[in-house]
Protein backbone atom coordinates (compact mmCIF):
# COMPACT_ATOMS: atom_id res chain seq x y z
CA MET A 1 34.41 32.97 23.87
CA ALA A 2 33.54 29.88 21.90
CA ASN A 3 32.41 30.31 18.35
CA ASP A 4 28.60 30.52 18.23
CA ALA A 5 28.52 28.02 15.38
CA THR A 6 30.01 25.31 17.59
CA ASN A 7 27.35 25.84 20.25
CA THR A 8 24.37 25.84 17.96
CA ALA A 9 22.52 22.56 18.10
CA VAL A 10 20.77 21.62 14.92
CA SER A 11 17.34 20.27 15.73
CA PRO A 12 16.19 17.36 13.61
CA PRO A 13 13.30 18.14 11.27
CA LYS A 14 9.82 17.40 12.49
CA LEU A 15 6.72 16.19 10.72
CA THR A 16 4.37 19.17 10.42
CA SER A 17 1.46 17.78 8.40
CA LEU A 18 0.36 14.62 6.64
CA SER A 19 -2.01 13.98 3.75
CA PRO A 20 -3.93 10.75 3.10
CA SER A 21 -1.88 10.12 -0.04
CA ARG A 22 1.47 10.55 1.76
CA ALA A 23 0.26 8.38 4.64
CA SER A 24 -0.59 5.73 2.06
CA ASP A 25 2.89 6.11 0.53
CA PHE A 26 4.53 5.43 3.91
CA LYS A 27 2.32 2.37 4.48
CA THR A 28 3.29 1.07 1.07
CA CYS A 29 7.00 1.82 1.39
CA PRO A 30 8.81 4.23 3.74
CA GLN A 31 11.50 4.75 1.10
CA LEU A 32 8.82 5.88 -1.36
CA TYR A 33 7.62 8.44 1.20
CA LYS A 34 11.19 9.72 1.59
CA PHE A 35 11.67 10.14 -2.15
CA LYS A 36 8.43 12.10 -2.47
CA SER A 37 8.12 14.08 0.75
CA ILE A 38 11.64 14.46 2.17
CA ASP A 39 13.85 14.50 -0.91
CA LYS A 40 11.06 15.99 -3.05
CA ILE A 41 12.47 14.34 -6.15
CA PRO A 42 10.56 15.56 -9.21
CA THR A 43 8.96 13.00 -11.48
CA VAL A 44 8.02 13.21 -15.12
CA PRO A 45 4.28 13.85 -15.55
CA THR A 46 2.35 11.06 -17.25
CA ILE A 47 -0.68 11.04 -19.50
CA TYR A 48 -2.58 9.29 -16.71
CA GLN A 49 -1.83 12.02 -14.19
CA ALA A 50 -2.84 14.64 -16.73
CA ARG A 51 -6.11 12.82 -17.41
CA GLY A 52 -6.90 12.54 -13.71
CA THR A 53 -6.21 16.19 -12.93
CA THR A 54 -8.18 17.41 -15.93
CA ALA A 55 -11.14 15.10 -15.34
CA HIS A 56 -11.37 16.13 -11.67
CA LEU A 57 -11.49 19.80 -12.63
CA ALA A 58 -14.11 19.15 -15.31
CA LEU A 59 -16.33 17.15 -12.95
CA GLU A 60 -16.04 19.81 -10.26
CA ARG A 61 -17.21 22.43 -12.74
CA LEU A 62 -20.01 20.20 -14.02
CA PHE A 63 -21.60 20.21 -10.57
CA GLN A 64 -21.32 23.97 -10.36
CA LEU A 65 -23.80 24.18 -13.24
CA PRO A 66 -27.59 24.01 -12.91
CA ALA A 67 -28.71 20.36 -12.89
CA ARG A 68 -30.35 20.55 -16.32
CA GLU A 69 -27.00 21.52 -17.90
CA ARG A 70 -25.06 18.53 -16.56
CA THR A 71 -25.00 16.65 -19.84
CA PRO A 72 -22.29 14.55 -21.51
CA ASP A 73 -21.64 17.21 -24.16
CA ARG A 74 -21.20 19.86 -21.51
CA LEU A 75 -18.78 17.66 -19.56
CA TYR A 76 -16.74 17.14 -22.73
CA GLU A 77 -16.59 20.92 -23.24
CA LEU A 78 -15.49 21.41 -19.65
CA PHE A 79 -12.77 18.78 -20.06
CA ARG A 80 -11.40 20.48 -23.18
CA ALA A 81 -11.45 23.88 -21.48
CA ALA A 82 -9.75 22.51 -18.36
CA TRP A 83 -7.03 20.90 -20.48
CA MET A 84 -6.35 24.18 -22.27
CA GLU A 85 -5.88 25.83 -18.86
CA LEU A 86 -3.69 23.12 -17.34
CA LYS A 87 -1.54 22.19 -20.33
CA PRO A 88 0.66 25.33 -20.65
CA GLN A 89 1.71 25.37 -16.99
CA GLU A 90 1.65 21.75 -15.86
CA TYR A 91 2.01 19.58 -18.97
CA PRO A 92 3.64 21.68 -21.74
CA ASP A 93 5.84 18.86 -23.05
CA LEU A 94 3.61 15.86 -22.38
CA PHE A 95 2.91 15.00 -26.01
CA THR A 96 5.38 14.79 -28.86
CA SER A 97 2.76 15.12 -31.60
CA VAL A 98 -0.72 16.48 -32.19
CA ASP A 99 -1.90 12.99 -33.10
CA ASP A 100 -0.78 11.60 -29.73
CA GLU A 101 -2.57 14.39 -27.90
CA ARG A 102 -5.71 13.87 -29.93
CA ALA A 103 -5.72 10.11 -29.25
CA TRP A 104 -5.33 10.83 -25.52
CA GLY A 105 -8.22 13.29 -25.68
CA VAL A 106 -10.51 10.83 -27.44
CA GLU A 107 -9.73 8.12 -24.87
CA SER A 108 -10.29 10.60 -22.04
CA LEU A 109 -13.71 11.61 -23.38
CA GLY A 110 -14.61 7.94 -23.58
CA LEU A 111 -13.92 7.57 -19.86
CA LEU A 112 -16.06 10.63 -19.14
CA ALA A 113 -18.88 9.13 -21.20
CA SER A 114 -18.78 6.05 -18.97
CA TYR A 115 -19.36 8.26 -15.93
CA PHE A 116 -22.98 8.80 -16.98
CA THR A 117 -23.60 5.06 -16.88
CA VAL A 118 -22.80 5.00 -13.15
CA GLU A 119 -24.79 7.98 -11.89
CA ASP A 120 -27.10 10.73 -13.09
CA PRO A 121 -25.53 14.07 -12.13
CA THR A 122 -28.87 15.83 -12.59
CA SER A 123 -30.51 13.77 -9.82
CA PHE A 124 -28.83 15.36 -6.78
CA GLU A 125 -27.05 18.46 -5.52
CA PRO A 126 -23.64 17.96 -3.84
CA LEU A 127 -23.29 19.38 -0.35
CA GLU A 128 -19.59 20.04 -0.93
CA LEU A 129 -17.14 20.01 -3.84
CA GLU A 130 -13.36 19.85 -3.50
CA MET A 131 -13.52 20.08 0.30
CA ASP A 132 -10.28 21.57 1.62
CA LEU A 133 -9.70 19.77 4.92
CA THR A 134 -6.79 20.78 7.13
CA VAL A 135 -7.60 19.44 10.56
CA ALA A 136 -5.87 19.08 13.92
CA VAL A 137 -6.22 15.48 15.04
CA ASN A 138 -4.79 15.30 18.56
CA ASP A 139 -1.13 16.31 18.04
CA MET A 140 -1.26 15.81 14.28
CA THR A 141 -2.22 18.06 11.38
CA ILE A 142 -3.92 16.12 8.59
CA ARG A 143 -4.67 17.83 5.30
CA GLY A 144 -6.29 16.88 2.03
CA ILE A 145 -8.96 17.68 -0.52
CA LEU A 146 -12.08 15.52 -0.84
CA ASP A 147 -13.80 15.38 -4.22
CA ARG A 148 -17.43 15.41 -3.17
CA MET A 149 -19.98 14.96 -0.39
CA GLU A 150 -23.70 14.44 -1.00
CA THR A 151 -26.88 13.13 0.58
CA ILE A 152 -28.83 10.46 -1.27
CA THR A 153 -32.21 8.99 -0.38
CA GLU A 154 -32.62 5.25 -0.49
CA THR A 155 -35.32 2.81 0.54
CA THR A 156 -34.77 0.64 3.61
CA PRO A 157 -35.69 -3.07 3.64
CA GLU A 158 -38.82 -2.03 5.54
CA GLY A 159 -39.83 0.22 2.65
CA SER A 160 -39.25 3.59 4.31
CA PRO A 161 -37.00 6.34 2.89
CA ARG A 162 -33.61 6.96 4.47
CA ASP A 163 -31.13 9.77 3.87
CA VAL A 164 -27.54 8.57 3.49
CA LEU A 165 -24.52 10.88 3.69
CA VAL A 166 -21.94 9.79 1.11
CA ILE A 167 -18.39 10.95 0.41
CA THR A 168 -17.19 10.23 -3.13
CA ASP A 169 -13.74 10.02 -4.69
CA TYR A 170 -13.25 9.89 -8.46
CA LYS A 171 -10.58 7.67 -10.01
CA THR A 172 -9.58 7.69 -13.67
CA GLY A 173 -7.45 4.56 -13.42
CA LYS A 174 -8.61 0.96 -13.40
CA ALA A 175 -10.32 -0.40 -10.32
CA PRO A 176 -8.45 -2.99 -8.26
CA PRO A 177 -9.93 -6.50 -8.16
CA GLN A 178 -12.77 -6.92 -5.69
CA GLN A 179 -10.59 -8.81 -3.19
CA TYR A 180 -8.29 -5.78 -2.89
CA ALA A 181 -10.99 -3.12 -2.89
CA ASN A 182 -11.01 -2.57 0.88
CA LYS A 183 -7.43 -1.27 0.83
CA ALA A 184 -8.46 1.40 -1.66
CA PHE A 185 -10.73 2.99 0.96
CA PHE A 186 -7.79 4.01 3.18
CA ALA A 187 -7.81 7.68 2.14
CA LEU A 188 -11.60 7.98 2.25
CA LYS A 189 -11.63 6.63 5.82
CA ILE A 190 -9.26 9.44 6.75
CA TYR A 191 -11.53 12.00 5.07
CA ALA A 192 -14.52 10.57 6.94
CA LEU A 193 -12.58 10.99 10.20
CA LEU A 194 -11.77 14.62 9.34
CA ILE A 195 -15.43 15.31 8.57
CA ARG A 196 -16.46 13.79 11.90
CA ILE A 197 -14.00 16.05 13.70
CA THR A 198 -14.88 19.27 11.85
CA ARG A 199 -18.60 18.78 11.28
CA GLY A 200 -19.61 16.70 14.27
CA PHE A 201 -21.23 13.87 12.28
CA THR A 202 -20.05 10.67 10.66
CA PRO A 203 -20.62 9.98 6.95
CA ASP A 204 -22.70 6.88 6.35
CA ARG A 205 -20.94 5.62 3.25
CA LEU A 206 -17.67 5.82 1.34
CA ARG A 207 -17.77 5.62 -2.45
CA LEU A 208 -14.97 5.06 -4.97
CA LEU A 209 -15.99 5.81 -8.54
CA TYR A 210 -13.58 4.40 -11.15
CA LEU A 211 -14.32 5.86 -14.58
CA ASN A 212 -12.16 3.29 -16.33
CA GLY A 213 -14.59 0.39 -16.43
CA PRO A 214 -16.61 1.94 -14.99
CA THR A 215 -16.59 0.40 -11.52
CA GLU A 216 -18.19 1.56 -8.30
CA TYR A 217 -17.11 0.35 -4.86
CA THR A 218 -18.94 1.40 -1.69
CA MET A 219 -18.35 0.82 2.01
CA ASP A 220 -20.65 1.71 4.87
CA ILE A 221 -18.66 3.27 7.70
CA THR A 222 -19.04 3.29 11.48
CA ASP A 223 -17.58 5.32 14.33
CA GLU A 224 -15.70 2.24 15.50
CA GLN A 225 -13.92 2.05 12.14
CA LEU A 226 -13.03 5.74 12.32
CA ASP A 227 -11.70 5.29 15.86
CA ALA A 228 -9.44 2.56 14.49
CA MET A 229 -8.34 4.83 11.64
CA GLU A 230 -7.44 7.56 14.13
CA ARG A 231 -5.23 5.11 16.02
CA GLN A 232 -3.63 3.98 12.76
CA LEU A 233 -2.92 7.58 11.78
CA GLU A 234 -1.28 8.21 15.13
CA ALA A 235 0.92 5.14 14.64
CA LEU A 236 1.88 6.26 11.13
CA TRP A 237 2.62 9.78 12.31
CA THR A 238 4.90 8.44 15.06
CA ALA A 239 6.66 6.09 12.64
CA ILE A 240 7.26 8.84 10.07
CA ASP A 241 8.55 11.24 12.73
CA ARG A 242 10.90 8.53 13.99
CA ALA A 243 12.16 7.84 10.46
CA ILE A 244 12.84 11.56 9.94
CA THR A 245 14.85 11.66 13.17
CA THR A 246 16.80 8.44 12.62
CA GLY A 247 17.18 8.68 8.86
CA ARG A 248 16.10 5.07 8.48
CA TRP A 249 13.67 4.52 5.60
CA PRO A 250 13.32 0.79 4.86
CA ALA A 251 12.18 -0.09 1.37
CA LYS A 252 9.40 -2.66 0.95
CA LYS A 253 9.36 -4.85 -2.12
CA SER A 254 5.96 -5.61 -3.61
CA ARG A 255 4.13 -5.80 -6.91
CA LEU A 256 3.52 -2.06 -6.54
CA CYS A 257 7.23 -1.52 -7.23
CA ASP A 258 6.48 -2.01 -10.92
CA TRP A 259 4.59 1.31 -10.89
CA CYS A 260 7.18 3.22 -8.82
CA ASP A 261 8.94 6.14 -10.50
CA PHE A 262 12.07 5.53 -8.44
CA LYS A 263 12.55 1.78 -8.82
CA ALA A 264 15.01 1.68 -11.70
CA GLU A 265 17.33 4.54 -10.82
CA LEU A 266 17.14 5.27 -7.10
CA CYS A 267 15.62 2.56 -4.94
CA PRO A 268 18.47 0.99 -2.90
CA VAL A 269 16.74 -2.38 -2.62
CA TRP A 270 16.36 -2.72 -6.37
CA GLN A 271 19.88 -1.48 -7.03
CA ASP A 272 21.26 -4.15 -4.72
CA ASP A 273 18.87 -6.94 -5.70
CA PRO A 274 17.08 -6.46 -9.02
CA GLU A 275 15.34 -9.83 -8.83
CA GLU A 276 11.62 -9.87 -9.60
CA THR A 277 9.25 -9.52 -6.65
CA SER A 278 7.49 -12.58 -5.31
């Protein structure tokens, strides 16, 4: 009898789920996706990641309070409390000195102060906070967490009131220039598609809120755009599954390489050709 080991076929791995951020990684550079999702190479946490995670948690908790308590001072308190929770487990060695940590905290509170110049958190009640969306989209499973969904009332050109369903994503980094803003809505379009599938209605507007500035970008959305996003997701899913099976992960050079954690040490394109991107 032949050895069982010689008869056992090893099935290639299959893509089981995809998040908006990982889909964006693959669009940017398939090799980047491989480093993050297939190889699962750990990266060193940065002060910017720590600020983003802590600010998101603080803003989530701000909207869990009664409207009258959503003040700048309360948001600062929530940020400090969130940092004390997150620091020991996720960022224990982020700062080499108390002074560095304090400077980071002061800068972070400055960004949170700018939030109140963009919107008044006492003026509305979110419909959802930190929406956990894991959704079957045809043969795909798409998963992610959306920061916020709310209804606002605005006045139409004819002077009548109109309710607008908005999904909002916070960003603590700098906003891209206006000419590149549309690309930044990629993830929010996916979230709008997931809401349409799970809730049976289409959000009216996508909103990116950059605290560093601050800058606000909005985009009104249509079912036709979401249909196109569904087709794009299917194409990305197929391409990722094919790359997993074939083991081919082409690297794409771009200006975004300058912010890649893997450029200097691991990226095969930059190891072979370290010339500056065009």
